[in-house]
Amino acid sequence: MLNHNQPGDPERFAQRVVAFSDVAQPPVRMPFGSDTVAAIEAKHLSDADIIKRWREPSGSTDF
């Protein structure tokens, strides 16, 4: 949500983006900001739970 209360510092963000221009193999997607990292971590935990709970029926369609 864009409520202008995000924890990120736009100046620091700009510095990091510029710094990435010199990286030999930068990531395709870079999660800038602690809030973004936390959201991705939560999504991965949720996905891991889905896989754990539904692995058998999901994989049961293989030849």
PDB file of N, CA and C in Angstrom:
ATOM      1  N   MET A   1       0.850  -1.162   0.000  1.00  0.00           N
ATOM      2  CA  MET A   1       0.000   0.000   0.000  1.00  0.00           C
ATOM      3  C   MET A   1       0.906   1.239   0.000  1.00  0.00           C
ATOM      4  N   LEU A   2       0.547   2.200  -0.780  1.00  0.00           N
ATOM      5  CA  LEU A   2       1.323   3.434  -0.841  1.00  0.00           C
ATOM      6  C   LEU A   2       0.684   4.483   0.058  1.00  0.00           C
ATOM      7  N   ASN A   3       1.158   4.550   1.292  1.00  0.00           N
ATOM      8  CA  ASN A   3       0.611   5.518   2.235  1.00  0.00           C
ATOM      9  C   ASN A   3       1.661   6.544   2.653  1.00  0.00           C
ATOM     10  N   HIS A   4       2.786   6.537   1.964  1.00  0.00           N
ATOM     11  CA  HIS A   4       3.894   7.459   2.233  1.00  0.00           C
ATOM     12  C   HIS A   4       4.521   7.249   3.607  1.00  0.00           C
ATOM     13  N   ASN A   5       4.305   6.062   4.187  1.00  0.00           N
ATOM     14  CA  ASN A   5       4.925   5.708   5.457  1.00  0.00           C
ATOM     15  C   ASN A   5       5.864   4.509   5.320  1.00  0.00           C
ATOM     16  N   GLN A   6       6.312   4.241   4.092  1.00  0.00           N
ATOM     17  CA  GLN A   6       7.199   3.118   3.862  1.00  0.00           C
ATOM     18  C   GLN A   6       8.533   3.374   4.561  1.00  0.00           C
ATOM     19  N   PRO A   7       9.198   2.291   5.000  1.00  0.00           N
ATOM     20  CA  PRO A   7      10.423   2.454   5.770  1.00  0.00           C
ATOM     21  C   PRO A   7      11.648   2.827   4.928  1.00  0.00           C
ATOM     22  N   GLY A   8      11.544   2.728   3.610  1.00  0.00           N
ATOM     23  CA  GLY A   8      12.710   2.945   2.759  1.00  0.00           C
ATOM     24  C   GLY A   8      13.147   4.392   2.653  1.00  0.00           C
ATOM     25  N   ASP A   9      14.443   4.547   2.447  1.00  0.00           N
ATOM     26  CA  ASP A   9      15.054   5.861   2.231  1.00  0.00           C
ATOM     27  C   ASP A   9      15.325   5.986   0.739  1.00  0.00           C
ATOM     28  N   PRO A  10      14.633   6.862   0.017  1.00  0.00           N
ATOM     29  CA  PRO A  10      14.805   6.976  -1.429  1.00  0.00           C
ATOM     30  C   PRO A  10      16.247   7.267  -1.852  1.00  0.00           C
ATOM     31  N   GLU A  11      16.969   8.026  -1.060  1.00  0.00           N
ATOM     32  CA  GLU A  11      18.362   8.337  -1.409  1.00  0.00           C
ATOM     33  C   GLU A  11      19.232   7.080  -1.320  1.00  0.00           C
ATOM     34  N   ARG A  12      19.047   6.309  -0.260  1.00  0.00           N
ATOM     35  CA  ARG A  12      19.801   5.059  -0.118  1.00  0.00           C
ATOM     36  C   ARG A  12      19.447   4.092  -1.247  1.00  0.00           C
ATOM     37  N   PHE A  13      18.176   4.038  -1.580  1.00  0.00           N
ATOM     38  CA  PHE A  13      17.739   3.169  -2.673  1.00  0.00           C
ATOM     39  C   PHE A  13      18.446   3.564  -3.971  1.00  0.00           C
ATOM     40  N   ALA A  14      18.463   4.841  -4.274  1.00  0.00           N
ATOM     41  CA  ALA A  14      19.111   5.316  -5.496  1.00  0.00           C
ATOM     42  C   ALA A  14      20.598   4.950  -5.497  1.00  0.00           C
ATOM     43  N   GLN A  15      21.251   5.082  -4.363  1.00  0.00           N
ATOM     44  CA  GLN A  15      22.670   4.722  -4.273  1.00  0.00           C
ATOM     45  C   GLN A  15      22.885   3.245  -4.566  1.00  0.00           C
ATOM     46  N   ARG A  16      22.004   2.406  -4.041  1.00  0.00           N
ATOM     47  CA  ARG A  16      22.135   0.954  -4.258  1.00  0.00           C
ATOM     48  C   ARG A  16      21.892   0.600  -5.727  1.00  0.00           C
ATOM     49  N   VAL A  17      20.917   1.247  -6.350  1.00  0.00           N
ATOM     50  CA  VAL A  17      20.629   0.976  -7.753  1.00  0.00           C
ATOM     51  C   VAL A  17      21.826   1.361  -8.615  1.00  0.00           C
ATOM     52  N   VAL A  18      22.411   2.509  -8.353  1.00  0.00           N
ATOM     53  CA  VAL A  18      23.588   2.941  -9.103  1.00  0.00           C
ATOM     54  C   VAL A  18      24.738   1.964  -8.872  1.00  0.00           C
ATOM     55  N   ALA A  19      24.916   1.508  -7.643  1.00  0.00           N
ATOM     56  CA  ALA A  19      25.992   0.568  -7.335  1.00  0.00           C
ATOM     57  C   ALA A  19      25.830  -0.732  -8.121  1.00  0.00           C
ATOM     58  N   PHE A  20      24.602  -1.146  -8.390  1.00  0.00           N
ATOM     59  CA  PHE A  20      24.356  -2.372  -9.130  1.00  0.00           C
ATOM     60  C   PHE A  20      24.775  -2.268 -10.596  1.00  0.00           C
ATOM     61  N   SER A  21      24.979  -1.073 -11.087  1.00  0.00           N
ATOM     62  CA  SER A  21      25.403  -0.930 -12.481  1.00  0.00           C
ATOM     63  C   SER A  21      26.809  -1.486 -12.696  1.00  0.00           C
ATOM     64  N   ASP A  22      27.580  -1.658 -11.636  1.00  0.00           N
ATOM     65  CA  ASP A  22      28.941  -2.187 -11.730  1.00  0.00           C
ATOM     66  C   ASP A  22      29.042  -3.669 -11.363  1.00  0.00           C
ATOM     67  N   VAL A  23      27.956  -4.297 -11.007  1.00  0.00           N
ATOM     68  CA  VAL A  23      27.976  -5.703 -10.601  1.00  0.00           C
ATOM     69  C   VAL A  23      28.031  -6.582 -11.846  1.00  0.00           C
ATOM     70  N   ALA A  24      28.922  -7.561 -11.825  1.00  0.00           N
ATOM     71  CA  ALA A  24      29.108  -8.423 -12.994  1.00  0.00           C
ATOM     72  C   ALA A  24      27.857  -9.237 -13.334  1.00  0.00           C
ATOM     73  N   GLN A  25      27.256  -9.861 -12.356  1.00  0.00           N
ATOM     74  CA  GLN A  25      26.063 -10.678 -12.585  1.00  0.00           C
ATOM     75  C   GLN A  25      24.990 -10.312 -11.558  1.00  0.00           C
ATOM     76  N   PRO A  26      24.328  -9.193 -11.751  1.00  0.00           N
ATOM     77  CA  PRO A  26      23.310  -8.777 -10.776  1.00  0.00           C
ATOM     78  C   PRO A  26      22.095  -9.703 -10.821  1.00  0.00           C
ATOM     79  N   PRO A  27      21.365  -9.783  -9.735  1.00  0.00           N
ATOM     80  CA  PRO A  27      20.155 -10.607  -9.741  1.00  0.00           C
ATOM     81  C   PRO A  27      19.130 -10.019 -10.707  1.00  0.00           C
ATOM     82  N   VAL A  28      18.284 -10.883 -11.248  1.00  0.00           N
ATOM     83  CA  VAL A  28      17.233 -10.428 -12.159  1.00  0.00           C
ATOM     84  C   VAL A  28      16.236  -9.542 -11.412  1.00  0.00           C
ATOM     85  N   ARG A  29      15.940  -9.938 -10.192  1.00  0.00           N
ATOM     86  CA  ARG A  29      15.028  -9.155  -9.345  1.00  0.00           C
ATOM     87  C   ARG A  29      15.724  -8.932  -8.009  1.00  0.00           C
ATOM     88  N   MET A  30      15.846  -7.698  -7.615  1.00  0.00           N
ATOM     89  CA  MET A  30      16.504  -7.381  -6.355  1.00  0.00           C
ATOM     90  C   MET A  30      15.483  -6.818  -5.383  1.00  0.00           C
ATOM     91  N   PRO A  31      15.245  -7.515  -4.272  1.00  0.00           N
ATOM     92  CA  PRO A  31      14.249  -7.040  -3.306  1.00  0.00           C
ATOM     93  C   PRO A  31      14.822  -5.964  -2.390  1.00  0.00           C
ATOM     94  N   PHE A  32      14.716  -4.731  -2.794  1.00  0.00           N
ATOM     95  CA  PHE A  32      15.201  -3.630  -1.961  1.00  0.00           C
ATOM     96  C   PHE A  32      14.209  -3.339  -0.842  1.00  0.00           C
ATOM     97  N   GLY A  33      14.712  -3.146   0.348  1.00  0.00           N
ATOM     98  CA  GLY A  33      13.893  -2.762   1.492  1.00  0.00           C
ATOM     99  C   GLY A  33      13.595  -3.926   2.404  1.00  0.00           C
ATOM    100  N   SER A  34      13.692  -3.682   3.692  1.00  0.00           N
ATOM    101  CA  SER A  34      13.428  -4.741   4.673  1.00  0.00           C
ATOM    102  C   SER A  34      11.989  -5.225   4.593  1.00  0.00           C
ATOM    103  N   ASP A  35      11.060  -4.332   4.238  1.00  0.00           N
ATOM    104  CA  ASP A  35       9.662  -4.730   4.117  1.00  0.00           C
ATOM    105  C   ASP A  35       9.466  -5.674   2.936  1.00  0.00           C
ATOM    106  N   THR A  36      10.191  -5.443   1.858  1.00  0.00           N
ATOM    107  CA  THR A  36      10.102  -6.319   0.696  1.00  0.00           C
ATOM    108  C   THR A  36      10.703  -7.681   1.004  1.00  0.00           C
ATOM    109  N   VAL A  37      11.846  -7.699   1.661  1.00  0.00           N
ATOM    110  CA  VAL A  37      12.482  -8.965   2.039  1.00  0.00           C
ATOM    111  C   VAL A  37      11.554  -9.759   2.952  1.00  0.00           C
ATOM    112  N   ALA A  38      10.940  -9.110   3.921  1.00  0.00           N
ATOM    113  CA  ALA A  38      10.020  -9.792   4.838  1.00  0.00           C
ATOM    114  C   ALA A  38       8.809 -10.354   4.093  1.00  0.00           C
ATOM    115  N   ALA A  39       8.285  -9.615   3.139  1.00  0.00           N
ATOM    116  CA  ALA A  39       7.130 -10.091   2.373  1.00  0.00           C
ATOM    117  C   ALA A  39       7.493 -11.312   1.543  1.00  0.00           C
ATOM    118  N   ILE A  40       8.670 -11.301   0.936  1.00  0.00           N
ATOM    119  CA  ILE A  40       9.116 -12.446   0.134  1.00  0.00           C
ATOM    120  C   ILE A  40       9.344 -13.657   1.029  1.00  0.00           C
ATOM    121  N   GLU A  41       9.967 -13.451   2.181  1.00  0.00           N
ATOM    122  CA  GLU A  41      10.185 -14.560   3.114  1.00  0.00           C
ATOM    123  C   GLU A  41       8.858 -15.170   3.557  1.00  0.00           C
ATOM    124  N   ALA A  42       7.869 -14.341   3.851  1.00  0.00           N
ATOM    125  CA  ALA A  42       6.558 -14.839   4.268  1.00  0.00           C
ATOM    126  C   ALA A  42       5.909 -15.633   3.131  1.00  0.00           C
ATOM    127  N   LYS A  43       6.034 -15.162   1.914  1.00  0.00           N
ATOM    128  CA  LYS A  43       5.469 -15.863   0.762  1.00  0.00           C
ATOM    129  C   LYS A  43       6.146 -17.214   0.579  1.00  0.00           C
ATOM    130  N   HIS A  44       7.462 -17.259   0.737  1.00  0.00           N
ATOM    131  CA  HIS A  44       8.173 -18.535   0.589  1.00  0.00           C
ATOM    132  C   HIS A  44       7.754 -19.527   1.677  1.00  0.00           C
ATOM    133  N   LEU A  45       7.569 -19.058   2.894  1.00  0.00           N
ATOM    134  CA  LEU A  45       7.103 -19.946   3.962  1.00  0.00           C
ATOM    135  C   LEU A  45       5.712 -20.485   3.656  1.00  0.00           C
ATOM    136  N   SER A  46       4.851 -19.628   3.144  1.00  0.00           N
ATOM    137  CA  SER A  46       3.503 -20.049   2.780  1.00  0.00           C
ATOM    138  C   SER A  46       3.546 -21.078   1.659  1.00  0.00           C
ATOM    139  N   ASP A  47       4.377 -20.825   0.645  1.00  0.00           N
ATOM    140  CA  ASP A  47       4.511 -21.769  -0.464  1.00  0.00           C
ATOM    141  C   ASP A  47       5.078 -23.103   0.017  1.00  0.00           C
ATOM    142  N   ALA A  48       6.053 -23.066   0.922  1.00  0.00           N
ATOM    143  CA  ALA A  48       6.634 -24.297   1.457  1.00  0.00           C
ATOM    144  C   ALA A  48       5.577 -25.110   2.198  1.00  0.00           C
ATOM    145  N   ASP A  49       4.687 -24.445   2.919  1.00  0.00           N
ATOM    146  CA  ASP A  49       3.612 -25.138   3.629  1.00  0.00           C
ATOM    147  C   ASP A  49       2.649 -25.788   2.644  1.00  0.00           C
ATOM    148  N   ILE A  50       2.319 -25.082   1.580  1.00  0.00           N
ATOM    149  CA  ILE A  50       1.425 -25.647   0.563  1.00  0.00           C
ATOM    150  C   ILE A  50       2.053 -26.892  -0.052  1.00  0.00           C
ATOM    151  N   ILE A  51       3.327 -26.817  -0.388  1.00  0.00           N
ATOM    152  CA  ILE A  51       4.011 -27.966  -0.977  1.00  0.00           C
ATOM    153  C   ILE A  51       4.036 -29.138  -0.004  1.00  0.00           C
ATOM    154  N   LYS A  52       4.352 -28.849   1.258  1.00  0.00           N
ATOM    155  CA  LYS A  52       4.405 -29.911   2.263  1.00  0.00           C
ATOM    156  C   LYS A  52       3.051 -30.605   2.398  1.00  0.00           C
ATOM    157  N   ARG A  53       1.994 -29.815   2.433  1.00  0.00           N
ATOM    158  CA  ARG A  53       0.658 -30.366   2.649  1.00  0.00           C
ATOM    159  C   ARG A  53       0.099 -31.065   1.412  1.00  0.00           C
ATOM    160  N   TRP A  54       0.483 -30.634   0.231  1.00  0.00           N
ATOM    161  CA  TRP A  54      -0.145 -31.115  -0.985  1.00  0.00           C
ATOM    162  C   TRP A  54       0.831 -31.786  -1.951  1.00  0.00           C
ATOM    163  N   ARG A  55       1.999 -32.197  -1.472  1.00  0.00           N
ATOM    164  CA  ARG A  55       3.005 -32.813  -2.344  1.00  0.00           C
ATOM    165  C   ARG A  55       2.456 -34.056  -3.052  1.00  0.00           C
ATOM    166  N   GLU A  56       1.842 -34.971  -2.315  1.00  0.00           N
ATOM    167  CA  GLU A  56       1.383 -36.232  -2.902  1.00  0.00           C
ATOM    168  C   GLU A  56       0.362 -36.003  -4.018  1.00  0.00           C
ATOM    169  N   PRO A  57      -0.729 -35.295  -3.775  1.00  0.00           N
ATOM    170  CA  PRO A  57      -1.672 -35.130  -4.884  1.00  0.00           C
ATOM    171  C   PRO A  57      -1.104 -34.297  -6.033  1.00  0.00           C
ATOM    172  N   SER A  58      -0.213 -33.380  -5.714  1.00  0.00           N
ATOM    173  CA  SER A  58       0.386 -32.561  -6.780  1.00  0.00           C
ATOM    174  C   SER A  58       1.269 -33.402  -7.674  1.00  0.00           C
ATOM    175  N   GLY A  59       2.055 -34.291  -7.085  1.00  0.00           N
ATOM    176  CA  GLY A  59       2.952 -35.129  -7.852  1.00  0.00           C
ATOM    177  C   GLY A  59       2.306 -36.373  -8.434  1.00  0.00           C
ATOM    178  N   SER A  60       1.071 -36.640  -8.060  1.00  0.00           N
ATOM    179  CA  SER A  60       0.406 -37.885  -8.484  1.00  0.00           C
ATOM    180  C   SER A  60      -0.031 -37.844  -9.943  1.00  0.00           C
ATOM    181  N   THR A  61       0.174 -36.763 -10.629  1.00  0.00           N
ATOM    182  CA  THR A  61      -0.237 -36.676 -12.031  1.00  0.00           C
ATOM    183  C   THR A  61       0.909 -37.015 -12.990  1.00  0.00           C
ATOM    184  N   ASP A  62       2.096 -37.342 -12.430  1.00  0.00           N
ATOM    185  CA  ASP A  62       3.229 -37.692 -13.281  1.00  0.00           C
ATOM    186  C   ASP A  62       3.012 -39.048 -13.937  1.00  0.00           C
ATOM    187  N   PHE A  63       3.690 -39.289 -15.070  1.00  0.00           N
ATOM    188  CA  PHE A  63       3.653 -40.602 -15.717  1.00  0.00           C
ATOM    189  C   PHE A  63       4.338 -41.615 -14.855  1.00  0.00           C
TER     190      PHE A  63
END
